[in-house]
Amino acid sequence: MELVKSLGFIIEVNNEESSHSKVLKDIKDAVDEVNLIKAGKLKGISAKALINEL
């Protein structure tokens, strides 16, 4: 277990509530962004462009 903890790319989540809060905030941010795109205040990208980025 010490070896796993010593690896720099391993992130340990100690608080489940904080990770849950982060997910909810990320979803809210995404919904806000979609609403701005619908209102014409932000420019969205097409699904084709999104797929090409992957």
PDB file of N, CA and C in Angstrom:
ATOM      1  N   MET A   1       0.825  -1.185   0.000  1.00  0.00           N
ATOM      2  CA  MET A   1       0.000   0.000   0.000  1.00  0.00           C
ATOM      3  C   MET A   1       0.874   1.255   0.000  1.00  0.00           C
ATOM      4  N   GLU A   2       2.000   1.211   0.679  1.00  0.00           N
ATOM      5  CA  GLU A   2       2.908   2.359   0.702  1.00  0.00           C
ATOM      6  C   GLU A   2       3.419   2.666  -0.698  1.00  0.00           C
ATOM      7  N   LEU A   3       3.702   1.622  -1.477  1.00  0.00           N
ATOM      8  CA  LEU A   3       4.167   1.811  -2.846  1.00  0.00           C
ATOM      9  C   LEU A   3       3.097   2.522  -3.673  1.00  0.00           C
ATOM     10  N   VAL A   4       1.860   2.099  -3.549  1.00  0.00           N
ATOM     11  CA  VAL A   4       0.763   2.724  -4.290  1.00  0.00           C
ATOM     12  C   VAL A   4       0.631   4.190  -3.900  1.00  0.00           C
ATOM     13  N   LYS A   5       0.719   4.487  -2.620  1.00  0.00           N
ATOM     14  CA  LYS A   5       0.606   5.864  -2.141  1.00  0.00           C
ATOM     15  C   LYS A   5       1.770   6.724  -2.618  1.00  0.00           C
ATOM     16  N   SER A   6       2.923   6.123  -2.848  1.00  0.00           N
ATOM     17  CA  SER A   6       4.098   6.896  -3.243  1.00  0.00           C
ATOM     18  C   SER A   6       4.094   7.273  -4.726  1.00  0.00           C
ATOM     19  N   LEU A   7       3.259   6.617  -5.522  1.00  0.00           N
ATOM     20  CA  LEU A   7       3.209   6.918  -6.949  1.00  0.00           C
ATOM     21  C   LEU A   7       2.561   8.284  -7.162  1.00  0.00           C
ATOM     22  N   GLY A   8       3.198   9.123  -7.961  1.00  0.00           N
ATOM     23  CA  GLY A   8       2.737  10.492  -8.155  1.00  0.00           C
ATOM     24  C   GLY A   8       1.434  10.617  -8.900  1.00  0.00           C
ATOM     25  N   PHE A   9       1.098   9.647  -9.758  1.00  0.00           N
ATOM     26  CA  PHE A   9      -0.112   9.770 -10.557  1.00  0.00           C
ATOM     27  C   PHE A   9      -1.342   9.179  -9.875  1.00  0.00           C
ATOM     28  N   ILE A  10      -1.183   8.597  -8.711  1.00  0.00           N
ATOM     29  CA  ILE A  10      -2.309   8.032  -7.972  1.00  0.00           C
ATOM     30  C   ILE A  10      -2.897   9.128  -7.092  1.00  0.00           C
ATOM     31  N   ILE A  11      -4.192   9.348  -7.240  1.00  0.00           N
ATOM     32  CA  ILE A  11      -4.876  10.347  -6.419  1.00  0.00           C
ATOM     33  C   ILE A  11      -5.818   9.597  -5.489  1.00  0.00           C
ATOM     34  N   GLU A  12      -5.638   9.808  -4.205  1.00  0.00           N
ATOM     35  CA  GLU A  12      -6.470   9.143  -3.224  1.00  0.00           C
ATOM     36  C   GLU A  12      -7.622  10.059  -2.859  1.00  0.00           C
ATOM     37  N   VAL A  13      -8.835   9.544  -2.949  1.00  0.00           N
ATOM     38  CA  VAL A  13     -10.006  10.326  -2.573  1.00  0.00           C
ATOM     39  C   VAL A  13     -10.362   9.946  -1.148  1.00  0.00           C
ATOM     40  N   ASN A  14     -10.139  10.897  -0.236  1.00  0.00           N
ATOM     41  CA  ASN A  14     -10.391  10.633   1.173  1.00  0.00           C
ATOM     42  C   ASN A  14     -11.812  10.965   1.571  1.00  0.00           C
ATOM     43  N   ASN A  15     -12.432  11.896   0.863  1.00  0.00           N
ATOM     44  CA  ASN A  15     -13.732  12.368   1.277  1.00  0.00           C
ATOM     45  C   ASN A  15     -14.722  12.156   0.139  1.00  0.00           C
ATOM     46  N   GLU A  16     -15.598  11.175   0.292  1.00  0.00           N
ATOM     47  CA  GLU A  16     -16.564  10.855  -0.760  1.00  0.00           C
ATOM     48  C   GLU A  16     -17.500  12.033  -1.015  1.00  0.00           C
ATOM     49  N   GLU A  17     -17.837  12.768   0.023  1.00  0.00           N
ATOM     50  CA  GLU A  17     -18.746  13.904  -0.132  1.00  0.00           C
ATOM     51  C   GLU A  17     -18.135  14.995  -1.005  1.00  0.00           C
ATOM     52  N   SER A  18     -16.837  15.247  -0.867  1.00  0.00           N
ATOM     53  CA  SER A  18     -16.210  16.282  -1.685  1.00  0.00           C
ATOM     54  C   SER A  18     -16.153  15.865  -3.152  1.00  0.00           C
ATOM     55  N   SER A  19     -15.952  14.574  -3.430  1.00  0.00           N
ATOM     56  CA  SER A  19     -15.943  14.132  -4.817  1.00  0.00           C
ATOM     57  C   SER A  19     -17.352  14.195  -5.392  1.00  0.00           C
ATOM     58  N   HIS A  20     -18.358  13.900  -4.580  1.00  0.00           N
ATOM     59  CA  HIS A  20     -19.755  14.013  -5.006  1.00  0.00           C
ATOM     60  C   HIS A  20     -20.088  15.471  -5.311  1.00  0.00           C
ATOM     61  N   SER A  21     -19.636  16.381  -4.472  1.00  0.00           N
ATOM     62  CA  SER A  21     -19.871  17.808  -4.690  1.00  0.00           C
ATOM     63  C   SER A  21     -19.205  18.287  -5.966  1.00  0.00           C
ATOM     64  N   LYS A  22     -18.014  17.776  -6.261  1.00  0.00           N
ATOM     65  CA  LYS A  22     -17.306  18.165  -7.473  1.00  0.00           C
ATOM     66  C   LYS A  22     -18.067  17.704  -8.709  1.00  0.00           C
ATOM     67  N   VAL A  23     -18.594  16.492  -8.671  1.00  0.00           N
ATOM     68  CA  VAL A  23     -19.366  15.976  -9.808  1.00  0.00           C
ATOM     69  C   VAL A  23     -20.595  16.849 -10.028  1.00  0.00           C
ATOM     70  N   LEU A  24     -21.300  17.176  -8.961  1.00  0.00           N
ATOM     71  CA  LEU A  24     -22.486  18.030  -9.090  1.00  0.00           C
ATOM     72  C   LEU A  24     -22.129  19.404  -9.636  1.00  0.00           C
ATOM     73  N   LYS A  25     -21.003  19.973  -9.193  1.00  0.00           N
ATOM     74  CA  LYS A  25     -20.572  21.280  -9.691  1.00  0.00           C
ATOM     75  C   LYS A  25     -20.219  21.194 -11.172  1.00  0.00           C
ATOM     76  N   ASP A  26     -19.537  20.122 -11.566  1.00  0.00           N
ATOM     77  CA  ASP A  26     -19.176  19.940 -12.976  1.00  0.00           C
ATOM     78  C   ASP A  26     -20.419  19.815 -13.856  1.00  0.00           C
ATOM     79  N   ILE A  27     -21.422  19.091 -13.363  1.00  0.00           N
ATOM     80  CA  ILE A  27     -22.675  18.965 -14.129  1.00  0.00           C
ATOM     81  C   ILE A  27     -23.365  20.309 -14.239  1.00  0.00           C
ATOM     82  N   LYS A  28     -23.412  21.064 -13.142  1.00  0.00           N
ATOM     83  CA  LYS A  28     -24.043  22.387 -13.169  1.00  0.00           C
ATOM     84  C   LYS A  28     -23.317  23.303 -14.146  1.00  0.00           C
ATOM     85  N   ASP A  29     -21.989  23.265 -14.133  1.00  0.00           N
ATOM     86  CA  ASP A  29     -21.207  24.088 -15.061  1.00  0.00           C
ATOM     87  C   ASP A  29     -21.507  23.714 -16.511  1.00  0.00           C
ATOM     88  N   ALA A  30     -21.650  22.422 -16.776  1.00  0.00           N
ATOM     89  CA  ALA A  30     -21.945  21.965 -18.131  1.00  0.00           C
ATOM     90  C   ALA A  30     -23.327  22.438 -18.579  1.00  0.00           C
ATOM     91  N   VAL A  31     -24.306  22.354 -17.691  1.00  0.00           N
ATOM     92  CA  VAL A  31     -25.663  22.816 -18.013  1.00  0.00           C
ATOM     93  C   VAL A  31     -25.659  24.320 -18.251  1.00  0.00           C
ATOM     94  N   ASP A  32     -24.948  25.055 -17.424  1.00  0.00           N
ATOM     95  CA  ASP A  32     -24.845  26.513 -17.616  1.00  0.00           C
ATOM     96  C   ASP A  32     -24.231  26.834 -18.982  1.00  0.00           C
ATOM     97  N   GLU A  33     -23.202  26.086 -19.367  1.00  0.00           N
ATOM     98  CA  GLU A  33     -22.555  26.313 -20.658  1.00  0.00           C
ATOM     99  C   GLU A  33     -23.516  26.016 -21.819  1.00  0.00           C
ATOM    100  N   VAL A  34     -24.275  24.937 -21.696  1.00  0.00           N
ATOM    101  CA  VAL A  34     -25.262  24.609 -22.737  1.00  0.00           C
ATOM    102  C   VAL A  34     -26.294  25.719 -22.848  1.00  0.00           C
ATOM    103  N   ASN A  35     -26.749  26.235 -21.725  1.00  0.00           N
ATOM    104  CA  ASN A  35     -27.731  27.319 -21.747  1.00  0.00           C
ATOM    105  C   ASN A  35     -27.164  28.582 -22.397  1.00  0.00           C
ATOM    106  N   LEU A  36     -25.893  28.883 -22.171  1.00  0.00           N
ATOM    107  CA  LEU A  36     -25.260  30.035 -22.812  1.00  0.00           C
ATOM    108  C   LEU A  36     -25.149  29.826 -24.321  1.00  0.00           C
ATOM    109  N   ILE A  37     -24.867  28.599 -24.731  1.00  0.00           N
ATOM    110  CA  ILE A  37     -24.793  28.288 -26.161  1.00  0.00           C
ATOM    111  C   ILE A  37     -26.172  28.457 -26.800  1.00  0.00           C
ATOM    112  N   LYS A  38     -27.197  27.951 -26.124  1.00  0.00           N
ATOM    113  CA  LYS A  38     -28.565  28.084 -26.641  1.00  0.00           C
ATOM    114  C   LYS A  38     -28.973  29.551 -26.747  1.00  0.00           C
ATOM    115  N   ALA A  39     -28.523  30.375 -25.816  1.00  0.00           N
ATOM    116  CA  ALA A  39     -28.871  31.794 -25.805  1.00  0.00           C
ATOM    117  C   ALA A  39     -28.035  32.591 -26.806  1.00  0.00           C
ATOM    118  N   GLY A  40     -27.065  31.951 -27.431  1.00  0.00           N
ATOM    119  CA  GLY A  40     -26.225  32.623 -28.412  1.00  0.00           C
ATOM    120  C   GLY A  40     -25.089  33.425 -27.815  1.00  0.00           C
ATOM    121  N   LYS A  41     -24.826  33.240 -26.531  1.00  0.00           N
ATOM    122  CA  LYS A  41     -23.760  33.983 -25.860  1.00  0.00           C
ATOM    123  C   LYS A  41     -22.409  33.269 -25.927  1.00  0.00           C
ATOM    124  N   LEU A  42     -22.435  31.998 -26.259  1.00  0.00           N
ATOM    125  CA  LEU A  42     -21.219  31.204 -26.471  1.00  0.00           C
ATOM    126  C   LEU A  42     -21.388  30.454 -27.781  1.00  0.00           C
ATOM    127  N   LYS A  43     -20.272  30.172 -28.420  1.00  0.00           N
ATOM    128  CA  LYS A  43     -20.322  29.407 -29.653  1.00  0.00           C
ATOM    129  C   LYS A  43     -20.039  27.944 -29.336  1.00  0.00           C
ATOM    130  N   GLY A  44     -20.928  27.072 -29.750  1.00  0.00           N
ATOM    131  CA  GLY A  44     -20.739  25.640 -29.554  1.00  0.00           C
ATOM    132  C   GLY A  44     -19.980  25.045 -30.724  1.00  0.00           C
ATOM    133  N   ILE A  45     -19.692  23.762 -30.621  1.00  0.00           N
ATOM    134  CA  ILE A  45     -19.050  23.062 -31.732  1.00  0.00           C
ATOM    135  C   ILE A  45     -19.988  21.931 -32.173  1.00  0.00           C
ATOM    136  N   SER A  46     -19.845  21.521 -33.407  1.00  0.00           N
ATOM    137  CA  SER A  46     -20.690  20.453 -33.926  1.00  0.00           C
ATOM    138  C   SER A  46     -20.245  19.109 -33.355  1.00  0.00           C
ATOM    139  N   ALA A  47     -21.152  18.126 -33.434  1.00  0.00           N
ATOM    140  CA  ALA A  47     -20.816  16.783 -32.975  1.00  0.00           C
ATOM    141  C   ALA A  47     -19.670  16.214 -33.793  1.00  0.00           C
ATOM    142  N   LYS A  48     -19.655  16.530 -35.103  1.00  0.00           N
ATOM    143  CA  LYS A  48     -18.583  16.046 -35.964  1.00  0.00           C
ATOM    144  C   LYS A  48     -17.232  16.598 -35.505  1.00  0.00           C
ATOM    145  N   ALA A  49     -17.202  17.886 -35.172  1.00  0.00           N
ATOM    146  CA  ALA A  49     -15.951  18.497 -34.700  1.00  0.00           C
ATOM    147  C   ALA A  49     -15.513  17.876 -33.387  1.00  0.00           C
ATOM    148  N   LEU A  50     -16.474  17.580 -32.522  1.00  0.00           N
ATOM    149  CA  LEU A  50     -16.164  16.947 -31.237  1.00  0.00           C
ATOM    150  C   LEU A  50     -15.545  15.560 -31.459  1.00  0.00           C
ATOM    151  N   ILE A  51     -16.145  14.789 -32.337  1.00  0.00           N
ATOM    152  CA  ILE A  51     -15.625  13.449 -32.643  1.00  0.00           C
ATOM    153  C   ILE A  51     -14.232  13.533 -33.241  1.00  0.00           C
ATOM    154  N   ASN A  52     -14.014  14.509 -34.110  1.00  0.00           N
ATOM    155  CA  ASN A  52     -12.691  14.669 -34.733  1.00  0.00           C
ATOM    156  C   ASN A  52     -11.637  15.024 -33.699  1.00  0.00           C
ATOM    157  N   GLU A  53     -12.019  15.707 -32.619  1.00  0.00           N
ATOM    158  CA  GLU A  53     -11.065  16.042 -31.561  1.00  0.00           C
ATOM    159  C   GLU A  53     -10.619  14.804 -30.795  1.00  0.00           C
ATOM    160  N   LEU A  54     -11.467  13.814 -30.751  1.00  0.00           N
ATOM    161  CA  LEU A  54     -11.125  12.582 -30.019  1.00  0.00           C
ATOM    162  C   LEU A  54     -10.153  11.789 -30.833  1.00  0.00           C
TER     163      LEU A  54
END
